[in-house]
N, C-alpha and C. Protein backbone atom coordinates (compact mmCIF):
# COMPACT_ATOMS: atom_id res chain seq x y z
N MET A 1 -1.52 35.84 -27.09
CA MET A 1 -2.28 34.99 -26.18
C MET A 1 -2.28 33.54 -26.64
N LEU A 2 -2.43 33.33 -27.94
CA LEU A 2 -2.44 31.96 -28.46
C LEU A 2 -1.08 31.28 -28.26
N GLU A 3 -0.03 32.07 -28.36
CA GLU A 3 1.30 31.50 -28.15
C GLU A 3 1.50 31.08 -26.69
N ALA A 4 0.96 31.86 -25.76
CA ALA A 4 1.06 31.51 -24.34
C ALA A 4 0.29 30.22 -24.05
N ILE A 5 -0.89 30.07 -24.65
CA ILE A 5 -1.67 28.84 -24.46
C ILE A 5 -0.92 27.65 -25.05
N ALA A 6 -0.25 27.84 -26.18
CA ALA A 6 0.54 26.76 -26.77
C ALA A 6 1.70 26.37 -25.86
N TRP A 7 2.32 27.36 -25.21
CA TRP A 7 3.42 27.05 -24.29
C TRP A 7 2.91 26.30 -23.06
N ILE A 8 1.77 26.70 -22.55
CA ILE A 8 1.19 26.02 -21.39
C ILE A 8 0.79 24.59 -21.77
N GLY A 9 0.20 24.42 -22.94
CA GLY A 9 -0.13 23.08 -23.41
C GLY A 9 1.10 22.22 -23.58
N SER A 10 2.17 22.80 -24.08
CA SER A 10 3.43 22.06 -24.22
C SER A 10 3.99 21.68 -22.86
N ALA A 11 3.84 22.55 -21.88
CA ALA A 11 4.31 22.24 -20.54
C ALA A 11 3.54 21.06 -19.94
N PHE A 12 2.23 21.01 -20.17
CA PHE A 12 1.45 19.87 -19.71
C PHE A 12 1.89 18.58 -20.38
N ILE A 13 2.19 18.64 -21.66
CA ILE A 13 2.63 17.45 -22.39
C ILE A 13 4.00 17.00 -21.89
N ILE A 14 4.89 17.93 -21.63
CA ILE A 14 6.22 17.57 -21.10
C ILE A 14 6.08 16.97 -19.70
N ALA A 15 5.16 17.51 -18.89
CA ALA A 15 4.92 16.93 -17.56
C ALA A 15 4.37 15.51 -17.69
N ALA A 16 3.53 15.28 -18.69
CA ALA A 16 2.99 13.93 -18.92
C ALA A 16 4.11 12.96 -19.31
N VAL A 17 5.04 13.42 -20.11
CA VAL A 17 6.17 12.57 -20.49
C VAL A 17 7.01 12.24 -19.25
N GLY A 18 7.26 13.23 -18.41
CA GLY A 18 8.01 12.99 -17.18
C GLY A 18 7.31 12.00 -16.26
N LEU A 19 6.00 12.12 -16.14
CA LEU A 19 5.23 11.20 -15.31
C LEU A 19 5.26 9.80 -15.90
N SER A 20 5.21 9.68 -17.20
CA SER A 20 5.29 8.37 -17.84
C SER A 20 6.65 7.72 -17.60
N ILE A 21 7.69 8.50 -17.65
CA ILE A 21 9.03 7.96 -17.38
C ILE A 21 9.14 7.53 -15.93
N ALA A 22 8.59 8.31 -15.02
CA ALA A 22 8.60 7.92 -13.60
C ALA A 22 7.83 6.62 -13.39
N GLY A 23 6.73 6.46 -14.08
CA GLY A 23 5.98 5.21 -13.99
C GLY A 23 6.74 4.02 -14.53
N ALA A 24 7.47 4.23 -15.63
CA ALA A 24 8.27 3.15 -16.19
C ALA A 24 9.39 2.74 -15.23
N VAL A 25 9.99 3.72 -14.59
CA VAL A 25 11.02 3.42 -13.60
C VAL A 25 10.42 2.66 -12.42
N GLY A 26 9.23 3.06 -12.01
CA GLY A 26 8.55 2.36 -10.93
C GLY A 26 8.23 0.92 -11.28
N VAL A 27 7.79 0.69 -12.50
CA VAL A 27 7.49 -0.68 -12.93
C VAL A 27 8.76 -1.53 -12.91
N LEU A 28 9.88 -0.94 -13.27
CA LEU A 28 11.13 -1.70 -13.28
C LEU A 28 11.71 -1.90 -11.88
N ARG A 29 11.49 -0.96 -10.98
CA ARG A 29 12.16 -0.99 -9.68
C ARG A 29 11.35 -1.62 -8.55
N PHE A 30 10.03 -1.59 -8.62
CA PHE A 30 9.23 -2.07 -7.51
C PHE A 30 9.31 -3.59 -7.40
N PRO A 31 9.16 -4.12 -6.16
CA PRO A 31 9.49 -5.52 -5.92
C PRO A 31 8.43 -6.54 -6.32
N ASP A 32 7.14 -6.20 -6.27
CA ASP A 32 6.15 -7.23 -6.57
C ASP A 32 5.12 -6.72 -7.57
N VAL A 33 4.26 -7.63 -7.98
CA VAL A 33 3.32 -7.32 -9.05
C VAL A 33 2.32 -6.24 -8.64
N TYR A 34 1.95 -6.17 -7.38
CA TYR A 34 0.94 -5.21 -6.95
C TYR A 34 1.48 -3.77 -6.95
N THR A 35 2.68 -3.59 -6.50
CA THR A 35 3.25 -2.24 -6.54
C THR A 35 3.55 -1.83 -7.98
N ARG A 36 3.88 -2.78 -8.82
CA ARG A 36 4.10 -2.47 -10.24
C ARG A 36 2.80 -2.07 -10.92
N ILE A 37 1.72 -2.79 -10.59
CA ILE A 37 0.41 -2.42 -11.15
C ILE A 37 0.03 -1.02 -10.68
N HIS A 38 0.28 -0.74 -9.42
CA HIS A 38 -0.05 0.57 -8.87
C HIS A 38 0.73 1.68 -9.60
N ALA A 39 2.03 1.46 -9.78
CA ALA A 39 2.84 2.46 -10.47
C ALA A 39 2.36 2.67 -11.89
N ALA A 40 2.04 1.59 -12.57
CA ALA A 40 1.62 1.71 -13.96
C ALA A 40 0.25 2.38 -14.08
N SER A 41 -0.68 2.01 -13.22
CA SER A 41 -2.03 2.55 -13.38
C SER A 41 -2.13 4.01 -12.94
N ILE A 42 -1.45 4.37 -11.87
CA ILE A 42 -1.50 5.76 -11.42
C ILE A 42 -0.84 6.68 -12.45
N THR A 43 0.32 6.30 -12.92
CA THR A 43 1.00 7.16 -13.88
C THR A 43 0.31 7.12 -15.24
N ASP A 44 -0.35 6.02 -15.56
CA ASP A 44 -1.08 5.94 -16.82
C ASP A 44 -2.23 6.94 -16.84
N THR A 45 -3.04 6.94 -15.80
CA THR A 45 -4.17 7.86 -15.78
C THR A 45 -3.71 9.30 -15.60
N GLY A 46 -2.69 9.52 -14.78
CA GLY A 46 -2.19 10.88 -14.59
C GLY A 46 -1.56 11.44 -15.84
N ALA A 47 -0.73 10.64 -16.49
CA ALA A 47 -0.08 11.11 -17.71
C ALA A 47 -1.10 11.31 -18.84
N ALA A 48 -2.09 10.43 -18.91
CA ALA A 48 -3.12 10.60 -19.93
C ALA A 48 -3.92 11.87 -19.69
N SER A 49 -4.19 12.18 -18.43
CA SER A 49 -4.92 13.41 -18.12
C SER A 49 -4.11 14.65 -18.49
N LEU A 50 -2.83 14.65 -18.11
CA LEU A 50 -1.98 15.79 -18.46
C LEU A 50 -1.81 15.94 -19.96
N MET A 51 -1.62 14.82 -20.64
CA MET A 51 -1.44 14.85 -22.09
C MET A 51 -2.72 15.37 -22.77
N THR A 52 -3.85 14.88 -22.33
CA THR A 52 -5.12 15.32 -22.92
C THR A 52 -5.37 16.79 -22.64
N LEU A 53 -5.06 17.24 -21.42
CA LEU A 53 -5.23 18.65 -21.09
C LEU A 53 -4.34 19.54 -21.97
N GLY A 54 -3.10 19.11 -22.17
CA GLY A 54 -2.21 19.87 -23.04
C GLY A 54 -2.71 19.93 -24.47
N MET A 55 -3.21 18.81 -24.96
CA MET A 55 -3.72 18.81 -26.34
C MET A 55 -5.02 19.60 -26.44
N LEU A 56 -5.85 19.57 -25.37
CA LEU A 56 -7.07 20.38 -25.38
C LEU A 56 -6.75 21.86 -25.47
N LEU A 57 -5.74 22.29 -24.73
CA LEU A 57 -5.35 23.70 -24.80
C LEU A 57 -4.86 24.07 -26.19
N MET A 58 -4.15 23.17 -26.82
CA MET A 58 -3.64 23.46 -28.17
C MET A 58 -4.74 23.40 -29.23
N ALA A 59 -5.74 22.52 -29.01
CA ALA A 59 -6.79 22.36 -30.01
C ALA A 59 -7.82 23.48 -29.95
N GLY A 60 -8.01 24.06 -28.77
CA GLY A 60 -9.03 25.11 -28.64
C GLY A 60 -10.42 24.53 -28.75
N LEU A 61 -11.39 25.38 -29.08
CA LEU A 61 -12.76 24.91 -29.27
C LEU A 61 -12.92 24.38 -30.67
N SER A 62 -12.87 23.07 -30.80
CA SER A 62 -12.96 22.44 -32.11
C SER A 62 -13.53 21.04 -31.94
N PRO A 63 -13.88 20.39 -33.03
CA PRO A 63 -14.33 19.00 -32.92
C PRO A 63 -13.26 18.07 -32.34
N ALA A 64 -12.01 18.42 -32.54
CA ALA A 64 -10.93 17.61 -31.97
C ALA A 64 -10.97 17.65 -30.44
N ALA A 65 -11.38 18.76 -29.86
CA ALA A 65 -11.47 18.88 -28.40
C ALA A 65 -12.54 17.94 -27.85
N ILE A 66 -13.64 17.82 -28.56
CA ILE A 66 -14.69 16.89 -28.14
C ILE A 66 -14.18 15.45 -28.19
N LYS A 67 -13.46 15.12 -29.22
CA LYS A 67 -12.89 13.77 -29.33
C LYS A 67 -11.87 13.51 -28.23
N LEU A 68 -11.08 14.51 -27.91
CA LEU A 68 -10.11 14.36 -26.82
C LEU A 68 -10.81 14.13 -25.48
N CYS A 69 -11.92 14.81 -25.26
CA CYS A 69 -12.68 14.59 -24.02
C CYS A 69 -13.25 13.18 -23.96
N ILE A 70 -13.70 12.66 -25.09
CA ILE A 70 -14.23 11.30 -25.13
C ILE A 70 -13.11 10.30 -24.87
N VAL A 71 -11.95 10.51 -25.45
CA VAL A 71 -10.80 9.63 -25.22
C VAL A 71 -10.40 9.67 -23.76
N TRP A 72 -10.37 10.88 -23.16
CA TRP A 72 -10.01 11.01 -21.74
C TRP A 72 -11.00 10.25 -20.86
N LEU A 73 -12.28 10.39 -21.15
CA LEU A 73 -13.31 9.69 -20.37
C LEU A 73 -13.15 8.18 -20.50
N PHE A 74 -12.87 7.70 -21.70
CA PHE A 74 -12.64 6.27 -21.92
C PHE A 74 -11.45 5.77 -21.10
N ILE A 75 -10.37 6.51 -21.09
CA ILE A 75 -9.19 6.10 -20.33
C ILE A 75 -9.48 6.11 -18.83
N MET A 76 -10.21 7.12 -18.36
CA MET A 76 -10.53 7.20 -16.94
C MET A 76 -11.45 6.06 -16.49
N LEU A 77 -12.25 5.53 -17.39
CA LEU A 77 -13.13 4.42 -17.04
C LEU A 77 -12.44 3.07 -17.16
N THR A 78 -11.57 2.90 -18.13
CA THR A 78 -11.00 1.59 -18.39
C THR A 78 -9.70 1.30 -17.66
N SER A 79 -8.86 2.29 -17.46
CA SER A 79 -7.55 2.04 -16.85
C SER A 79 -7.66 1.55 -15.41
N PRO A 80 -8.45 2.17 -14.54
CA PRO A 80 -8.57 1.62 -13.19
C PRO A 80 -9.23 0.24 -13.16
N ALA A 81 -10.19 0.02 -14.05
CA ALA A 81 -10.84 -1.29 -14.10
C ALA A 81 -9.86 -2.36 -14.56
N ALA A 82 -9.01 -2.03 -15.52
CA ALA A 82 -8.01 -2.99 -15.98
C ALA A 82 -6.98 -3.29 -14.90
N ALA A 83 -6.57 -2.29 -14.15
CA ALA A 83 -5.61 -2.50 -13.06
C ALA A 83 -6.23 -3.38 -11.98
N HIS A 84 -7.49 -3.15 -11.66
CA HIS A 84 -8.18 -3.96 -10.66
C HIS A 84 -8.31 -5.41 -11.13
N ALA A 85 -8.66 -5.60 -12.39
CA ALA A 85 -8.77 -6.95 -12.93
C ALA A 85 -7.42 -7.66 -12.94
N LEU A 86 -6.37 -6.94 -13.27
CA LEU A 86 -5.03 -7.52 -13.28
C LEU A 86 -4.58 -7.91 -11.88
N ALA A 87 -4.86 -7.05 -10.90
CA ALA A 87 -4.51 -7.38 -9.52
C ALA A 87 -5.32 -8.57 -9.01
N GLY A 88 -6.58 -8.64 -9.38
CA GLY A 88 -7.41 -9.78 -8.99
C GLY A 88 -6.91 -11.08 -9.62
N ALA A 89 -6.49 -11.01 -10.86
CA ALA A 89 -5.95 -12.20 -11.51
C ALA A 89 -4.63 -12.62 -10.88
N ALA A 90 -3.80 -11.67 -10.51
CA ALA A 90 -2.53 -12.00 -9.86
C ALA A 90 -2.78 -12.65 -8.51
N PHE A 91 -3.73 -12.11 -7.75
CA PHE A 91 -4.04 -12.68 -6.44
C PHE A 91 -4.65 -14.07 -6.60
N GLY A 92 -5.50 -14.24 -7.58
CA GLY A 92 -6.12 -15.53 -7.82
C GLY A 92 -5.15 -16.60 -8.27
N SER A 93 -4.06 -16.19 -8.90
CA SER A 93 -3.06 -17.17 -9.35
C SER A 93 -2.01 -17.47 -8.29
N GLY A 94 -2.17 -16.87 -7.11
CA GLY A 94 -1.28 -17.22 -6.00
C GLY A 94 -0.19 -16.23 -5.68
N HIS A 95 -0.12 -15.12 -6.39
CA HIS A 95 0.89 -14.11 -6.06
C HIS A 95 0.48 -13.40 -4.78
N ARG A 96 1.38 -13.35 -3.84
CA ARG A 96 1.10 -12.65 -2.58
C ARG A 96 1.97 -11.40 -2.52
N PRO A 97 1.45 -10.34 -1.91
CA PRO A 97 2.24 -9.11 -1.83
C PRO A 97 3.46 -9.28 -0.92
N ILE A 98 4.51 -8.56 -1.25
CA ILE A 98 5.71 -8.54 -0.42
C ILE A 98 5.49 -7.46 0.63
N LEU A 99 5.50 -7.85 1.88
CA LEU A 99 5.29 -6.90 2.97
C LEU A 99 6.61 -6.62 3.65
N GLY A 100 6.87 -5.38 3.97
CA GLY A 100 8.13 -5.01 4.60
C GLY A 100 9.21 -4.77 3.56
N ASP A 101 10.44 -4.78 4.01
CA ASP A 101 11.59 -4.53 3.14
C ASP A 101 11.98 -5.85 2.46
N PRO A 102 11.90 -5.93 1.13
CA PRO A 102 12.20 -7.20 0.46
C PRO A 102 13.68 -7.58 0.52
N ARG A 103 14.55 -6.65 0.90
CA ARG A 103 15.99 -6.96 0.96
C ARG A 103 16.38 -7.60 2.29
N ARG A 104 15.55 -7.40 3.31
CA ARG A 104 15.87 -7.97 4.62
C ARG A 104 15.08 -9.25 4.82
N PRO A 105 15.69 -10.27 5.40
CA PRO A 105 14.92 -11.49 5.66
C PRO A 105 13.89 -11.26 6.76
N SER A 106 12.77 -11.94 6.64
CA SER A 106 11.74 -11.79 7.66
C SER A 106 12.12 -12.57 8.90
N GLU A 107 11.32 -12.44 9.95
CA GLU A 107 11.63 -13.12 11.21
C GLU A 107 11.52 -14.63 11.06
N ASP A 108 10.67 -15.09 10.12
CA ASP A 108 10.51 -16.52 9.91
C ASP A 108 11.75 -17.13 9.26
N GLU A 109 12.48 -16.35 8.48
CA GLU A 109 13.64 -16.88 7.76
C GLU A 109 14.92 -16.83 8.58
N THR A 110 14.97 -16.12 9.69
CA THR A 110 16.20 -16.02 10.47
C THR A 110 16.31 -17.12 11.49
């Protein structure tokens, strides 16, 4: 039974790694700062949740599990707030979102 829980925990950790890689690709590929912030913050909180869940399964009932829950709670509170602050700072500095397909010229440019 313990070996099965370790395998399930490992699967959660591998899923977290995959989600982190997808977020990194999104940050590199998306056209403007707002979509990049979105990709980074969504995958950050999702990957942190999966990683923490995997480690919780491996740790079992121990003091380490309590610490992992505190770390997860801290990430869930700070990551969305940081993304919101970053988007607000970008908007305040004059960055405007790219609407539509960035590869096609808009009607104003034709």
